[in-house]
PDB file of N, CA and C in Angstrom:
ATOM      1  N   UNK A   1      40.700 -11.773-329.973  1.00  0.00           N
ATOM      2  CA  UNK A   1      40.744 -10.351-329.795  1.00  0.00           C
ATOM      3  C   UNK A   1      40.475  -9.986-328.329  1.00  0.00           C
ATOM      4  N   UNK A   2      39.577 -10.677-327.735  1.00  0.00           N
ATOM      5  CA  UNK A   2      39.235 -10.392-326.359  1.00  0.00           C
ATOM      6  C   UNK A   2      40.367 -10.759-325.411  1.00  0.00           C
ATOM      7  N   UNK A   3      41.054 -11.831-325.680  1.00  0.00           N
ATOM      8  CA  UNK A   3      42.135 -12.250-324.795  1.00  0.00           C
ATOM      9  C   UNK A   3      43.320 -11.292-324.881  1.00  0.00           C
ATOM     10  N   UNK A   4      43.598 -10.766-326.078  1.00  0.00           N
ATOM     11  CA  UNK A   4      44.693  -9.798-326.226  1.00  0.00           C
ATOM     12  C   UNK A   4      44.367  -8.522-325.470  1.00  0.00           C
ATOM     13  N   UNK A   5      43.125  -8.112-325.520  1.00  0.00           N
ATOM     14  CA  UNK A   5      42.708  -6.910-324.821  1.00  0.00           C
ATOM     15  C   UNK A   5      42.750  -7.125-323.308  1.00  0.00           C
ATOM     16  N   UNK A   6      42.383  -8.304-322.842  1.00  0.00           N
ATOM     17  CA  UNK A   6      42.422  -8.616-321.412  1.00  0.00           C
ATOM     18  C   UNK A   6      43.851  -8.641-320.907  1.00  0.00           C
ATOM     19  N   UNK A   7      44.775  -9.169-321.755  1.00  0.00           N
ATOM     20  CA  UNK A   7      46.180  -9.198-321.351  1.00  0.00           C
ATOM     21  C   UNK A   7      46.747  -7.789-321.213  1.00  0.00           C
ATOM     22  N   UNK A   8      46.417  -6.898-322.142  1.00  0.00           N
ATOM     23  CA  UNK A   8      46.935  -5.526-322.063  1.00  0.00           C
ATOM     24  C   UNK A   8      46.352  -4.794-320.869  1.00  0.00           C
ATOM     25  N   UNK A   9      45.069  -5.043-320.567  1.00  0.00           N
ATOM     26  CA  UNK A   9      44.460  -4.408-319.397  1.00  0.00           C
ATOM     27  C   UNK A   9      45.120  -4.890-318.112  1.00  0.00           C
ATOM     28  N   UNK A  10      45.424  -6.194-318.035  1.00  0.00           N
ATOM     29  CA  UNK A  10      46.072  -6.732-316.850  1.00  0.00           C
ATOM     30  C   UNK A  10      47.473  -6.161-316.688  1.00  0.00           C
ATOM     31  N   UNK A  11      48.204  -6.050-317.806  1.00  0.00           N
ATOM     32  CA  UNK A  11      49.569  -5.533-317.707  1.00  0.00           C
ATOM     33  C   UNK A  11      49.588  -4.054-317.337  1.00  0.00           C
ATOM     34  N   UNK A  12      48.643  -3.281-317.847  1.00  0.00           N
ATOM     35  CA  UNK A  12      48.601  -1.861-317.488  1.00  0.00           C
ATOM     36  C   UNK A  12      48.168  -1.662-316.044  1.00  0.00           C
ATOM     37  N   UNK A  13      47.240  -2.481-315.563  1.00  0.00           N
ATOM     38  CA  UNK A  13      46.843  -2.347-314.159  1.00  0.00           C
ATOM     39  C   UNK A  13      47.976  -2.762-313.235  1.00  0.00           C
ATOM     40  N   UNK A  14      48.753  -3.762-313.627  1.00  0.00           N
ATOM     41  CA  UNK A  14      49.912  -4.155-312.816  1.00  0.00           C
ATOM     42  C   UNK A  14      50.941  -3.036-312.755  1.00  0.00           C
ATOM     43  N   UNK A  15      51.166  -2.400-313.907  1.00  0.00           N
ATOM     44  CA  UNK A  15      52.120  -1.288-313.941  1.00  0.00           C
ATOM     45  C   UNK A  15      51.635  -0.134-313.064  1.00  0.00           C
ATOM     46  N   UNK A  16      50.332   0.152-313.107  1.00  0.00           N
ATOM     47  CA  UNK A  16      49.786   1.222-312.295  1.00  0.00           C
ATOM     48  C   UNK A  16      49.930   0.900-310.811  1.00  0.00           C
ATOM     49  N   UNK A  17      49.645  -0.343-310.444  1.00  0.00           N
ATOM     50  CA  UNK A  17      49.792  -0.741-309.053  1.00  0.00           C
ATOM     51  C   UNK A  17      51.240  -0.666-308.605  1.00  0.00           C
ATOM     52  N   UNK A  18      52.137  -1.102-309.475  1.00  0.00           N
ATOM     53  CA  UNK A  18      53.561  -1.046-309.136  1.00  0.00           C
ATOM     54  C   UNK A  18      54.024   0.395-308.975  1.00  0.00           C
ATOM     55  N   UNK A  19      53.532   1.284-309.855  1.00  0.00           N
ATOM     56  CA  UNK A  19      53.944   2.681-309.745  1.00  0.00           C
ATOM     57  C   UNK A  19      53.358   3.324-308.492  1.00  0.00           C
ATOM     58  N   UNK A  20      52.136   2.952-308.117  1.00  0.00           N
ATOM     59  CA  UNK A  20      51.553   3.492-306.892  1.00  0.00           C
ATOM     60  C   UNK A  20      52.313   3.006-305.671  1.00  0.00           C
ATOM     61  N   UNK A  21      52.724   1.756-305.667  1.00  0.00           N
ATOM     62  CA  UNK A  21      53.477   1.227-304.537  1.00  0.00           C
ATOM     63  C   UNK A  21      54.831   1.911-304.409  1.00  0.00           C
ATOM     64  N   UNK A  22      55.482   2.136-305.533  1.00  0.00           N
ATOM     65  CA  UNK A  22      56.797   2.773-305.465  1.00  0.00           C
ATOM     66  C   UNK A  22      56.687   4.227-305.031  1.00  0.00           C
ATOM     67  N   UNK A  23      55.613   4.923-305.460  1.00  0.00           N
ATOM     68  CA  UNK A  23      55.451   6.309-305.031  1.00  0.00           C
ATOM     69  C   UNK A  23      55.113   6.379-303.555  1.00  0.00           C
ATOM     70  N   UNK A  24      54.439   5.384-303.028  1.00  0.00           N
ATOM     71  CA  UNK A  24      54.142   5.362-301.605  1.00  0.00           C
ATOM     72  C   UNK A  24      55.407   5.158-300.785  1.00  0.00           C
ATOM     73  N   UNK A  25      56.326   4.425-301.309  1.00  0.00           N
ATOM     74  CA  UNK A  25      57.563   4.162-300.569  1.00  0.00           C
ATOM     75  C   UNK A  25      58.441   5.400-300.449  1.00  0.00           C
ATOM     76  N   UNK A  26      58.394   6.258-301.458  1.00  0.00           N
ATOM     77  CA  UNK A  26      59.270   7.424-301.447  1.00  0.00           C
ATOM     78  C   UNK A  26      58.742   8.556-300.570  1.00  0.00           C
ATOM     79  N   UNK A  27      57.449   8.548-300.262  1.00  0.00           N
ATOM     80  CA  UNK A  27      56.895   9.611-299.444  1.00  0.00           C
ATOM     81  C   UNK A  27      57.282   9.395-297.980  1.00  0.00           C
ATOM     82  N   UNK A  28      57.651  10.462-297.277  1.00  0.00           N
ATOM     83  CA  UNK A  28      58.002  10.289-295.861  1.00  0.00           C
ATOM     84  C   UNK A  28      56.757  10.018-295.028  1.00  0.00           C
ATOM     85  N   UNK A  29      56.921   9.236-294.005  1.00  0.00           N
ATOM     86  CA  UNK A  29      55.802   8.947-293.119  1.00  0.00           C
ATOM     87  C   UNK A  29      55.669  10.060-292.096  1.00  0.00           C
ATOM     88  N   UNK A  30      54.452  10.315-291.724  1.00  0.00           N
ATOM     89  CA  UNK A  30      54.182  11.385-290.764  1.00  0.00           C
ATOM     90  C   UNK A  30      54.693  10.953-289.388  1.00  0.00           C
ATOM     91  N   UNK A  31      55.393  11.848-288.724  1.00  0.00           N
ATOM     92  CA  UNK A  31      55.914  11.552-287.400  1.00  0.00           C
ATOM     93  C   UNK A  31      57.243  10.828-287.407  1.00  0.00           C
ATOM     94  N   UNK A  32      57.846  10.659-288.557  1.00  0.00           N
ATOM     95  CA  UNK A  32      59.120   9.945-288.648  1.00  0.00           C
ATOM     96  C   UNK A  32      60.272  10.880-288.990  1.00  0.00           C
ATOM     97  N   UNK A  33      60.179  12.146-288.610  1.00  0.00           N
ATOM     98  CA  UNK A  33      61.260  13.073-288.916  1.00  0.00           C
ATOM     99  C   UNK A  33      62.433  12.847-287.971  1.00  0.00           C
ATOM    100  N   UNK A  34      63.617  13.169-288.456  1.00  0.00           N
ATOM    101  CA  UNK A  34      64.825  12.979-287.663  1.00  0.00           C
ATOM    102  C   UNK A  34      65.111  14.263-286.898  1.00  0.00           C
ATOM    103  N   UNK A  35      65.186  14.167-285.588  1.00  0.00           N
ATOM    104  CA  UNK A  35      65.488  15.314-284.753  1.00  0.00           C
ATOM    105  C   UNK A  35      66.965  15.281-284.397  1.00  0.00           C
ATOM    106  N   UNK A  36      67.663  16.374-284.662  1.00  0.00           N
ATOM    107  CA  UNK A  36      69.082  16.441-284.372  1.00  0.00           C
ATOM    108  C   UNK A  36      69.340  16.748-282.901  1.00  0.00           C
ATOM    109  N   UNK A  37      68.446  17.528-282.294  1.00  0.00           N
ATOM    110  CA  UNK A  37      68.641  17.905-280.903  1.00  0.00           C
ATOM    111  C   UNK A  37      67.281  18.167-280.266  1.00  0.00           C
ATOM    112  N   UNK A  38      67.239  18.115-278.954  1.00  0.00           N
ATOM    113  CA  UNK A  38      65.989  18.365-278.250  1.00  0.00           C
ATOM    114  C   UNK A  38      65.712  19.870-278.200  1.00  0.00           C
ATOM    115  N   UNK A  39      64.498  20.216-277.824  1.00  0.00           N
ATOM    116  CA  UNK A  39      64.124  21.622-277.743  1.00  0.00           C
ATOM    117  C   UNK A  39      64.892  22.354-276.651  1.00  0.00           C
ATOM    118  N   UNK A  40      65.158  21.669-275.558  1.00  0.00           N
ATOM    119  CA  UNK A  40      65.893  22.318-274.470  1.00  0.00           C
ATOM    120  C   UNK A  40      67.339  22.626-274.882  1.00  0.00           C
ATOM    121  N   UNK A  41      67.937  21.740-275.674  1.00  0.00           N
ATOM    122  CA  UNK A  41      69.292  21.994-276.169  1.00  0.00           C
ATOM    123  C   UNK A  41      69.303  23.192-277.109  1.00  0.00           C
ATOM    124  N   UNK A  42      68.296  23.267-277.976  1.00  0.00           N
ATOM    125  CA  UNK A  42      68.187  24.388-278.908  1.00  0.00           C
ATOM    126  C   UNK A  42      68.003  25.699-278.144  1.00  0.00           C
ATOM    127  N   UNK A  43      67.156  25.696-277.117  1.00  0.00           N
ATOM    128  CA  UNK A  43      66.926  26.904-276.333  1.00  0.00           C
ATOM    129  C   UNK A  43      68.186  27.326-275.577  1.00  0.00           C
ATOM    130  N   UNK A  44      68.909  26.354-275.038  1.00  0.00           N
ATOM    131  CA  UNK A  44      70.164  26.673-274.351  1.00  0.00           C
ATOM    132  C   UNK A  44      71.175  27.303-275.315  1.00  0.00           C
ATOM    133  N   UNK A  45      71.279  26.750-276.521  1.00  0.00           N
ATOM    134  CA  UNK A  45      72.189  27.329-277.519  1.00  0.00           C
ATOM    135  C   UNK A  45      71.760  28.744-277.879  1.00  0.00           C
ATOM    136  N   UNK A  46      70.457  28.967-277.993  1.00  0.00           N
ATOM    137  CA  UNK A  46      69.961  30.300-278.325  1.00  0.00           C
ATOM    138  C   UNK A  46      70.304  31.302-277.229  1.00  0.00           C
ATOM    139  N   UNK A  47      70.140  30.916-275.986  1.00  0.00           N
ATOM    140  CA  UNK A  47      70.468  31.809-274.867  1.00  0.00           C
ATOM    141  C   UNK A  47      71.968  32.111-274.844  1.00  0.00           C
ATOM    142  N   UNK A  48      72.794  31.103-275.073  1.00  0.00           N
ATOM    143  CA  UNK A  48      74.251  31.309-275.083  1.00  0.00           C
ATOM    144  C   UNK A  48      74.656  32.249-276.217  1.00  0.00           C
ATOM    145  N   UNK A  49      74.065  32.065-277.395  1.00  0.00           N
ATOM    146  CA  UNK A  49      74.403  32.924-278.540  1.00  0.00           C
ATOM    147  C   UNK A  49      73.965  34.362-278.272  1.00  0.00           C
ATOM    148  N   UNK A  50      72.810  34.556-277.668  1.00  0.00           N
ATOM    149  CA  UNK A  50      72.352  35.915-277.354  1.00  0.00           C
ATOM    150  C   UNK A  50      73.280  36.565-276.330  1.00  0.00           C
ATOM    151  N   UNK A  51      73.669  35.830-275.311  1.00  0.00           N
ATOM    152  CA  UNK A  51      74.589  36.388-274.301  1.00  0.00           C
ATOM    153  C   UNK A  51      75.939  36.719-274.928  1.00  0.00           C
ATOM    154  N   UNK A  52      76.460  35.836-275.772  1.00  0.00           N
ATOM    155  CA  UNK A  52      77.745  36.125-276.425  1.00  0.00           C
ATOM    156  C   UNK A  52      77.641  37.323-277.363  1.00  0.00           C
ATOM    157  N   UNK A  53      76.517  37.474-278.028  1.00  0.00           N
ATOM    158  CA  UNK A  53      76.339  38.605-278.938  1.00  0.00           C
ATOM    159  C   UNK A  53      76.298  39.946-278.226  1.00  0.00           C
ATOM    160  N   UNK A  54      75.893  39.939-276.967  1.00  0.00           N
ATOM    161  CA  UNK A  54      75.797  41.205-276.235  1.00  0.00           C
ATOM    162  C   UNK A  54      77.092  41.596-275.525  1.00  0.00           C
ATOM    163  N   UNK A  55      78.092  40.737-275.527  1.00  0.00           N
ATOM    164  CA  UNK A  55      79.346  41.064-274.834  1.00  0.00           C
ATOM    165  C   UNK A  55      80.246  41.934-275.713  1.00  0.00           C
ATOM    166  N   UNK A  56      80.385  43.167-275.320  1.00  0.00           N
ATOM    167  CA  UNK A  56      81.263  44.120-275.983  1.00  0.00           C
ATOM    168  C   UNK A  56      82.229  44.680-274.949  1.00  0.00           C
ATOM    169  N   UNK A  57      83.448  44.918-275.358  1.00  0.00           N
ATOM    170  CA  UNK A  57      84.418  45.617-274.513  1.00  0.00           C
ATOM    171  C   UNK A  57      84.405  47.073-274.973  1.00  0.00           C
ATOM    172  N   UNK A  58      83.741  47.941-274.204  1.00  0.00           N
ATOM    173  CA  UNK A  58      83.583  49.350-274.582  1.00  0.00           C
ATOM    174  C   UNK A  58      84.605  50.189-273.839  1.00  0.00           C
ATOM    175  N   UNK A  59      85.079  51.234-274.505  1.00  0.00           N
ATOM    176  CA  UNK A  59      86.093  52.111-273.934  1.00  0.00           C
ATOM    177  C   UNK A  59      85.466  53.442-273.555  1.00  0.00           C
ATOM    178  N   UNK A  60      85.888  54.004-272.396  1.00  0.00           N
ATOM    179  CA  UNK A  60      85.356  55.304-271.979  1.00  0.00           C
ATOM    180  C   UNK A  60      85.879  56.412-272.896  1.00  0.00           C
ATOM    181  N   UNK A  61      87.129  56.297-273.324  1.00  0.00           N
ATOM    182  CA  UNK A  61      87.670  57.205-274.344  1.00  0.00           C
ATOM    183  C   UNK A  61      88.060  56.356-275.545  1.00  0.00           C
ATOM    184  N   UNK A  62      87.627  56.737-276.737  1.00  0.00           N
ATOM    185  CA  UNK A  62      87.882  55.904-277.909  1.00  0.00           C
ATOM    186  C   UNK A  62      89.381  55.747-278.206  1.00  0.00           C
ATOM    187  N   UNK A  63      89.760  54.549-278.578  1.00  0.00           N
ATOM    188  CA  UNK A  63      91.128  54.286-279.023  1.00  0.00           C
ATOM    189  C   UNK A  63      91.226  54.610-280.502  1.00  0.00           C
ATOM    190  N   UNK A  64      92.387  55.119-280.911  1.00  0.00           N
ATOM    191  CA  UNK A  64      92.601  55.421-282.323  1.00  0.00           C
ATOM    192  C   UNK A  64      93.608  54.421-282.865  1.00  0.00           C
ATOM    193  N   UNK A  65      93.203  53.676-283.859  1.00  0.00           N
ATOM    194  CA  UNK A  65      94.065  52.677-284.488  1.00  0.00           C
ATOM    195  C   UNK A  65      94.064  52.906-285.991  1.00  0.00           C
ATOM    196  N   UNK A  66      95.224  53.264-286.559  1.00  0.00           N
ATOM    197  CA  UNK A  66      95.369  53.601-287.978  1.00  0.00           C
ATOM    198  C   UNK A  66      94.408  54.709-288.400  1.00  0.00           C
ATOM    199  N   UNK A  67      94.205  55.657-287.523  1.00  0.00           N
ATOM    200  CA  UNK A  67      93.324  56.782-287.831  1.00  0.00           C
ATOM    201  C   UNK A  67      91.843  56.480-287.671  1.00  0.00           C
ATOM    202  N   UNK A  68      91.503  55.286-287.214  1.00  0.00           N
ATOM    203  CA  UNK A  68      90.104  54.897-287.032  1.00  0.00           C
ATOM    204  C   UNK A  68      89.807  54.852-285.539  1.00  0.00           C
ATOM    205  N   UNK A  69      88.830  55.638-285.091  1.00  0.00           N
ATOM    206  CA  UNK A  69      88.494  55.591-283.654  1.00  0.00           C
ATOM    207  C   UNK A  69      87.688  54.317-283.331  1.00  0.00           C
ATOM    208  N   UNK A  70      88.127  53.601-282.298  1.00  0.00           N
ATOM    209  CA  UNK A  70      87.436  52.381-281.869  1.00  0.00           C
ATOM    210  C   UNK A  70      86.750  52.653-280.539  1.00  0.00           C
ATOM    211  N   UNK A  71      85.431  52.601-280.543  1.00  0.00           N
ATOM    212  CA  UNK A  71      84.666  52.791-279.314  1.00  0.00           C
ATOM    213  C   UNK A  71      84.500  51.497-278.542  1.00  0.00           C
ATOM    214  N   UNK A  72      84.510  50.374-279.259  1.00  0.00           N
ATOM    215  CA  UNK A  72      84.274  49.085-278.599  1.00  0.00           C
ATOM    216  C   UNK A  72      84.820  47.958-279.466  1.00  0.00           C
ATOM    217  N   UNK A  73      85.073  46.820-278.800  1.00  0.00           N
ATOM    218  CA  UNK A  73      85.489  45.605-279.502  1.00  0.00           C
ATOM    219  C   UNK A  73      84.459  44.501-279.234  1.00  0.00           C
ATOM    220  N   UNK A  74      84.027  43.805-280.265  1.00  0.00           N
ATOM    221  CA  UNK A  74      83.006  42.763-280.078  1.00  0.00           C
ATOM    222  C   UNK A  74      83.625  41.436-279.634  1.00  0.00           C
ATOM    223  N   UNK A  75      84.040  41.345-278.383  1.00  0.00           N
ATOM    224  CA  UNK A  75      84.681  40.129-277.893  1.00  0.00           C
ATOM    225  C   UNK A  75      83.724  38.936-277.898  1.00  0.00           C
ATOM    226  N   UNK A  76      82.482  39.154-277.502  1.00  0.00           N
ATOM    227  CA  UNK A  76      81.501  38.079-277.492  1.00  0.00           C
ATOM    228  C   UNK A  76      81.158  37.596-278.884  1.00  0.00           C
ATOM    229  N   UNK A  77      81.145  38.517-279.838  1.00  0.00           N
ATOM    230  CA  UNK A  77      80.869  38.151-281.226  1.00  0.00           C
ATOM    231  C   UNK A  77      81.965  37.241-281.773  1.00  0.00           C
ATOM    232  N   UNK A  78      83.204  37.585-281.480  1.00  0.00           N
ATOM    233  CA  UNK A  78      84.325  36.751-281.934  1.00  0.00           C
ATOM    234  C   UNK A  78      84.318  35.391-281.237  1.00  0.00           C
ATOM    235  N   UNK A  79      84.063  35.377-279.935  1.00  0.00           N
ATOM    236  CA  UNK A  79      83.994  34.112-279.201  1.00  0.00           C
ATOM    237  C   UNK A  79      82.817  33.263-279.683  1.00  0.00           C
ATOM    238  N   UNK A  80      81.707  33.906-280.004  1.00  0.00           N
ATOM    239  CA  UNK A  80      80.539  33.186-280.506  1.00  0.00           C
ATOM    240  C   UNK A  80      80.784  32.548-281.856  1.00  0.00           C
ATOM    241  N   UNK A  81      81.476  33.245-282.742  1.00  0.00           N
ATOM    242  CA  UNK A  81      81.795  32.686-284.061  1.00  0.00           C
ATOM    243  C   UNK A  81      82.666  31.446-283.908  1.00  0.00           C
ATOM    244  N   UNK A  82      83.651  31.531-283.041  1.00  0.00           N
ATOM    245  CA  UNK A  82      84.536  30.376-282.813  1.00  0.00           C
ATOM    246  C   UNK A  82      83.767  29.221-282.176  1.00  0.00           C
ATOM    247  N   UNK A  83      82.901  29.528-281.198  1.00  0.00           N
ATOM    248  CA  UNK A  83      82.135  28.473-280.532  1.00  0.00           C
ATOM    249  C   UNK A  83      81.167  27.790-281.492  1.00  0.00           C
ATOM    250  N   UNK A  84      80.509  28.554-282.335  1.00  0.00           N
ATOM    251  CA  UNK A  84      79.579  27.960-283.306  1.00  0.00           C
ATOM    252  C   UNK A  84      80.331  27.082-284.284  1.00  0.00           C
ATOM    253  N   UNK A  85      81.475  27.544-284.737  1.00  0.00           N
ATOM    254  CA  UNK A  85      82.280  26.757-285.679  1.00  0.00           C
ATOM    255  C   UNK A  85      82.713  25.427-285.063  1.00  0.00           C
ATOM    256  N   UNK A  86      83.052  25.442-283.784  1.00  0.00           N
ATOM    257  CA  UNK A  86      83.539  24.229-283.137  1.00  0.00           C
ATOM    258  C   UNK A  86      82.424  23.249-282.758  1.00  0.00           C
ATOM    259  N   UNK A  87      81.297  23.755-282.281  1.00  0.00           N
ATOM    260  CA  UNK A  87      80.297  22.881-281.680  1.00  0.00           C
ATOM    261  C   UNK A  87      79.130  22.508-282.586  1.00  0.00           C
ATOM    262  N   UNK A  88      78.851  23.264-283.628  1.00  0.00           N
ATOM    263  CA  UNK A  88      77.691  22.961-284.473  1.00  0.00           C
ATOM    264  C   UNK A  88      78.108  22.085-285.642  1.00  0.00           C
ATOM    265  N   UNK A  89      77.418  20.952-285.807  1.00  0.00           N
ATOM    266  CA  UNK A  89      77.812  19.968-286.811  1.00  0.00           C
ATOM    267  C   UNK A  89      77.251  20.260-288.195  1.00  0.00           C
ATOM    268  N   UNK A  90      76.012  20.733-288.255  1.00  0.00           N
ATOM    269  CA  UNK A  90      75.324  20.894-289.535  1.00  0.00           C
ATOM    270  C   UNK A  90      75.482  22.316-290.061  1.00  0.00           C
ATOM    271  N   UNK A  91      75.791  22.422-291.351  1.00  0.00           N
ATOM    272  CA  UNK A  91      76.072  23.726-291.937  1.00  0.00           C
ATOM    273  C   UNK A  91      74.839  24.624-291.935  1.00  0.00           C
ATOM    274  N   UNK A  92      73.672  24.049-292.171  1.00  0.00           N
ATOM    275  CA  UNK A  92      72.468  24.875-292.177  1.00  0.00           C
ATOM    276  C   UNK A  92      72.188  25.453-290.789  1.00  0.00           C
ATOM    277  N   UNK A  93      72.475  24.695-289.751  1.00  0.00           N
ATOM    278  CA  UNK A  93      72.307  25.211-288.391  1.00  0.00           C
ATOM    279  C   UNK A  93      73.333  26.297-288.089  1.00  0.00           C
ATOM    280  N   UNK A  94      74.560  26.118-288.584  1.00  0.00           N
ATOM    281  CA  UNK A  94      75.600  27.141-288.362  1.00  0.00           C
ATOM    282  C   UNK A  94      75.195  28.459-288.999  1.00  0.00           C
ATOM    283  N   UNK A  95      74.597  28.419-290.173  1.00  0.00           N
ATOM    284  CA  UNK A  95      74.177  29.654-290.843  1.00  0.00           C
ATOM    285  C   UNK A  95      73.135  30.392-290.011  1.00  0.00           C
ATOM    286  N   UNK A  96      72.206  29.655-289.436  1.00  0.00           N
ATOM    287  CA  UNK A  96      71.178  30.282-288.605  1.00  0.00           C
ATOM    288  C   UNK A  96      71.810  30.918-287.376  1.00  0.00           C
ATOM    289  N   UNK A  97      72.719  30.204-286.712  1.00  0.00           N
ATOM    290  CA  UNK A  97      73.353  30.736-285.507  1.00  0.00           C
ATOM    291  C   UNK A  97      74.211  31.954-285.830  1.00  0.00           C
ATOM    292  N   UNK A  98      74.926  31.933-286.964  1.00  0.00           N
ATOM    293  CA  UNK A  98      75.719  33.100-287.358  1.00  0.00           C
ATOM    294  C   UNK A  98      74.812  34.314-287.571  1.00  0.00           C
ATOM    295  N   UNK A  99      73.690  34.099-288.237  1.00  0.00           N
ATOM    296  CA  UNK A  99      72.763  35.212-288.489  1.00  0.00           C
ATOM    297  C   UNK A  99      72.222  35.784-287.176  1.00  0.00           C
ATOM    298  N   UNK A 100      71.832  34.922-286.251  1.00  0.00           N
ATOM    299  CA  UNK A 100      71.336  35.382-284.947  1.00  0.00           C
ATOM    300  C   UNK A 100      72.430  36.142-284.213  1.00  0.00           C
ATOM    301  N   UNK A 101      73.644  35.620-284.240  1.00  0.00           N
ATOM    302  CA  UNK A 101      74.762  36.249-283.532  1.00  0.00           C
ATOM    303  C   UNK A 101      75.073  37.635-284.098  1.00  0.00           C
ATOM    304  N   UNK A 102      75.091  37.776-285.397  1.00  0.00           N
ATOM    305  CA  UNK A 102      75.394  39.071-286.017  1.00  0.00           C
ATOM    306  C   UNK A 102      74.293  40.086-285.717  1.00  0.00           C
ATOM    307  N   UNK A 103      73.033  39.686-285.818  1.00  0.00           N
ATOM    308  CA  UNK A 103      71.931  40.617-285.538  1.00  0.00           C
ATOM    309  C   UNK A 103      71.962  41.071-284.077  1.00  0.00           C
ATOM    310  N   UNK A 104      72.155  40.144-283.164  1.00  0.00           N
ATOM    311  CA  UNK A 104      72.228  40.511-281.740  1.00  0.00           C
ATOM    312  C   UNK A 104      73.448  41.397-281.490  1.00  0.00           C
ATOM    313  N   UNK A 105      74.566  41.103-282.145  1.00  0.00           N
ATOM    314  CA  UNK A 105      75.769  41.929-281.987  1.00  0.00           C
ATOM    315  C   UNK A 105      75.570  43.353-282.465  1.00  0.00           C
ATOM    316  N   UNK A 106      74.905  43.509-283.598  1.00  0.00           N
ATOM    317  CA  UNK A 106      74.663  44.862-284.130  1.00  0.00           C
ATOM    318  C   UNK A 106      73.694  45.627-283.240  1.00  0.00           C
ATOM    319  N   UNK A 107      72.637  44.976-282.812  1.00  0.00           N
ATOM    320  CA  UNK A 107      71.656  45.644-281.949  1.00  0.00           C
ATOM    321  C   UNK A 107      72.278  46.011-280.606  1.00  0.00           C
ATOM    322  N   UNK A 108      73.080  45.127-280.033  1.00  0.00           N
ATOM    323  CA  UNK A 108      73.647  45.395-278.718  1.00  0.00           C
ATOM    324  C   UNK A 108      74.755  46.440-278.748  1.00  0.00           C
ATOM    325  N   UNK A 109      75.279  46.780-279.925  1.00  0.00           N
ATOM    326  CA  UNK A 109      76.269  47.846-280.013  1.00  0.00           C
ATOM    327  C   UNK A 109      75.656  49.181-279.607  1.00  0.00           C
ATOM    328  N   UNK A 110      74.403  49.394-279.969  1.00  0.00           N
ATOM    329  CA  UNK A 110      73.735  50.663-279.700  1.00  0.00           C
ATOM    330  C   UNK A 110      73.054  50.700-278.336  1.00  0.00           C
ATOM    331  N   UNK A 111      72.992  49.571-277.675  1.00  0.00           N
ATOM    332  CA  UNK A 111      72.379  49.482-276.338  1.00  0.00           C
ATOM    333  C   UNK A 111      73.486  49.646-275.295  1.00  0.00           C
ATOM    334  N   UNK A 112      73.209  50.321-274.205  1.00  0.00           N
ATOM    335  CA  UNK A 112      74.264  50.492-273.189  1.00  0.00           C
ATOM    336  C   UNK A 112      74.501  49.178-272.409  1.00  0.00           C
ATOM    337  N   UNK A 113      74.999  48.182-273.095  1.00  0.00           N
ATOM    338  CA  UNK A 113      75.329  46.901-272.460  1.00  0.00           C
ATOM    339  C   UNK A 113      76.746  46.550-272.831  1.00  0.00           C
ATOM    340  N   UNK A 114      77.439  45.924-271.939  1.00  0.00           N
ATOM    341  CA  UNK A 114      78.825  45.539-272.199  1.00  0.00           C
ATOM    342  C   UNK A 114      79.726  45.907-271.040  1.00  0.00           C
ATOM    343  N   UNK A 115      80.992  45.613-271.203  1.00  0.00           N
ATOM    344  CA  UNK A 115      81.983  45.902-270.181  1.00  0.00           C
ATOM    345  C   UNK A 115      82.699  47.190-270.559  1.00  0.00           C
ATOM    346  N   UNK A 116      82.607  48.205-269.721  1.00  0.00           N
ATOM    347  CA  UNK A 116      83.222  49.496-269.997  1.00  0.00           C
ATOM    348  C   UNK A 116      84.568  49.562-269.295  1.00  0.00           C
ATOM    349  N   UNK A 117      85.603  49.861-270.085  1.00  0.00           N
ATOM    350  CA  UNK A 117      86.949  49.992-269.545  1.00  0.00           C
ATOM    351  C   UNK A 117      87.377  51.439-269.621  1.00  0.00           C
TER     352      UNK A 117
END
């Protein structure tokens, strides 16, 4: 009776040790994260996106197209969308850049910035 009980205890402790080892393997190690780009590259991209978002072609007299008056065209916004699509590899990063570009574009529409024709 004692030997059967000792065998079951040994087998359960082995299983517990094996499960602890496997759970340790799946956890990421601290400091081993994968960096896609350096901080300076990220900051440069942010500055470029902000500058592109602020570029508007504004008209001194509004143009009328199909009955809709156009005060300005977002040239930088369109160029920024194309640039992000071409140069950004990861979809999650593209979503962030699109969001930044749209917010800067909307805010800069109401600010007196842009090229006035």
